[in-house]
Amino acid sequence: MTQVAQGKSMLMFGLVAIAVVIGFYVLNAPDQRSAGDKIGDAINQLGDRTPGEKLGDAVEGAGADLKKATD
C-alpha cells in the first residue's frame, strides 16, 4: 500500500469514527421536553391515526402475542 493510499484510508477511518461518535451522542441525548410537551405530542400522534390503523395495530399485537405463546 502506498503512502497516499494509506493516508486516504486513515482519513476515511477518522471521518467514519467521528460520524459514529456524533451519531451516538445525538441518538442518546436526553429529552429536554417538559411533561406537558410530551403529553401533547402523544395526544397529537393518537389523533393522526385512523380507526383502521388503530385496529391494524391491535391485530398485529395480538398476532405477535399468539406467536410468542405458541413458540
C-alpha atoms as a PDB file:
ATOM      1  CA  MET A   1       0.000   0.000   0.000  1.00  0.00           C
ATOM      2  CA  THR A   2       1.421   3.369  -0.937  1.00  0.00           C
ATOM      3  CA  GLN A   3       1.819   6.282   1.439  1.00  0.00           C
ATOM      4  CA  VAL A   4      -1.002   8.244  -0.246  1.00  0.00           C
ATOM      5  CA  ALA A   5      -3.434   5.317  -0.187  1.00  0.00           C
ATOM      6  CA  GLN A   6      -2.637   4.674   3.467  1.00  0.00           C
ATOM      7  CA  GLY A   7      -3.235   8.351   4.270  1.00  0.00           C
ATOM      8  CA  LYS A   8      -6.596   8.286   2.496  1.00  0.00           C
ATOM      9  CA  SER A   9      -7.585   5.125   4.372  1.00  0.00           C
ATOM     10  CA  MET A  10      -6.693   6.705   7.704  1.00  0.00           C
ATOM     11  CA  LEU A  11      -8.605   9.868   6.800  1.00  0.00           C
ATOM     12  CA  MET A  12     -11.711   7.867   5.867  1.00  0.00           C
ATOM     13  CA  PHE A  13     -11.438   5.834   9.071  1.00  0.00           C
ATOM     14  CA  GLY A  14     -11.168   9.044  11.092  1.00  0.00           C
ATOM     15  CA  LEU A  15     -14.198  10.603   9.387  1.00  0.00           C
ATOM     16  CA  VAL A  16     -16.288   7.481   9.927  1.00  0.00           C
ATOM     17  CA  ALA A  17     -15.222   7.335  13.585  1.00  0.00           C
ATOM     18  CA  ILE A  18     -16.209  10.982  14.084  1.00  0.00           C
ATOM     19  CA  ALA A  19     -19.579  10.376  12.395  1.00  0.00           C
ATOM     20  CA  VAL A  20     -20.217   7.361  14.659  1.00  0.00           C
ATOM     21  CA  VAL A  21     -19.379   9.348  17.804  1.00  0.00           C
ATOM     22  CA  ILE A  22     -21.624  12.263  16.757  1.00  0.00           C
ATOM     23  CA  GLY A  23     -24.446   9.871  15.834  1.00  0.00           C
ATOM     24  CA  PHE A  24     -24.141   8.064  19.162  1.00  0.00           C
ATOM     25  CA  TYR A  25     -24.292  11.378  21.038  1.00  0.00           C
ATOM     26  CA  VAL A  26     -27.317  12.619  19.084  1.00  0.00           C
ATOM     27  CA  LEU A  27     -29.269   9.383  19.473  1.00  0.00           C
ATOM     28  CA  ASN A  28     -28.579   9.193  23.214  1.00  0.00           C
ATOM     29  CA  ALA A  29     -29.177  12.866  24.014  1.00  0.00           C
ATOM     30  CA  PRO A  30     -31.579  13.388  26.906  1.00  0.00           C
ATOM     31  CA  ASP A  31     -35.109  14.510  26.128  1.00  0.00           C
ATOM     32  CA  GLN A  32     -35.367  18.150  27.214  1.00  0.00           C
ATOM     33  CA  ARG A  33     -39.118  18.485  26.657  1.00  0.00           C
ATOM     34  CA  SER A  34     -41.407  19.217  29.569  1.00  0.00           C
ATOM     35  CA  ALA A  35     -44.046  16.734  30.699  1.00  0.00           C
ATOM     36  CA  GLY A  36     -46.739  18.851  29.057  1.00  0.00           C
ATOM     37  CA  ASP A  37     -44.876  18.802  25.744  1.00  0.00           C
ATOM     38  CA  LYS A  38     -44.512  15.025  25.894  1.00  0.00           C
ATOM     39  CA  ILE A  39     -48.211  14.552  26.652  1.00  0.00           C
ATOM     40  CA  GLY A  40     -49.171  16.961  23.885  1.00  0.00           C
ATOM     41  CA  ASP A  41     -47.018  15.085  21.379  1.00  0.00           C
ATOM     42  CA  ALA A  42     -48.573  11.766  22.427  1.00  0.00           C
ATOM     43  CA  ILE A  43     -52.077  13.177  22.006  1.00  0.00           C
ATOM     44  CA  ASN A  44     -51.193  14.536  18.574  1.00  0.00           C
ATOM     45  CA  GLN A  45     -49.860  11.146  17.480  1.00  0.00           C
ATOM     46  CA  LEU A  46     -53.031   9.406  18.605  1.00  0.00           C
ATOM     47  CA  GLY A  47     -55.213  11.915  16.813  1.00  0.00           C
ATOM     48  CA  ASP A  48     -53.415  11.453  13.489  1.00  0.00           C
ATOM     49  CA  ARG A  49     -54.375   7.789  13.203  1.00  0.00           C
ATOM     50  CA  THR A  50     -57.499   6.455  11.609  1.00  0.00           C
ATOM     51  CA  PRO A  51     -59.586   3.796  13.371  1.00  0.00           C
ATOM     52  CA  GLY A  52     -58.460   1.281  10.744  1.00  0.00           C
ATOM     53  CA  GLU A  53     -54.810   1.929  11.566  1.00  0.00           C
ATOM     54  CA  LYS A  54     -55.506   1.503  15.266  1.00  0.00           C
ATOM     55  CA  LEU A  55     -57.325  -1.770  14.584  1.00  0.00           C
ATOM     56  CA  GLY A  56     -54.431  -2.976  12.436  1.00  0.00           C
ATOM     57  CA  ASP A  57     -52.018  -2.317  15.299  1.00  0.00           C
ATOM     58  CA  ALA A  58     -54.237  -4.270  17.690  1.00  0.00           C
ATOM     59  CA  VAL A  59     -54.372  -7.204  15.284  1.00  0.00           C
ATOM     60  CA  GLU A  60     -50.595  -7.160  14.783  1.00  0.00           C
ATOM     61  CA  GLY A  61     -50.052  -7.019  18.552  1.00  0.00           C
ATOM     62  CA  ALA A  62     -52.381  -9.957  19.122  1.00  0.00           C
ATOM     63  CA  GLY A  63     -50.636 -11.918  16.374  1.00  0.00           C
ATOM     64  CA  ALA A  64     -47.256 -11.315  17.971  1.00  0.00           C
ATOM     65  CA  ASP A  65     -48.597 -12.422  21.357  1.00  0.00           C
ATOM     66  CA  LEU A  66     -50.063 -15.564  19.810  1.00  0.00           C
ATOM     67  CA  LYS A  67     -46.808 -16.360  18.060  1.00  0.00           C
ATOM     68  CA  LYS A  68     -44.887 -15.955  21.323  1.00  0.00           C
ATOM     69  CA  ALA A  69     -47.316 -18.239  23.129  1.00  0.00           C
ATOM     70  CA  THR A  70     -47.005 -20.980  20.515  1.00  0.00           C
ATOM     71  CA  ASP A  71     -43.194 -20.891  20.249  1.00  0.00           C
END
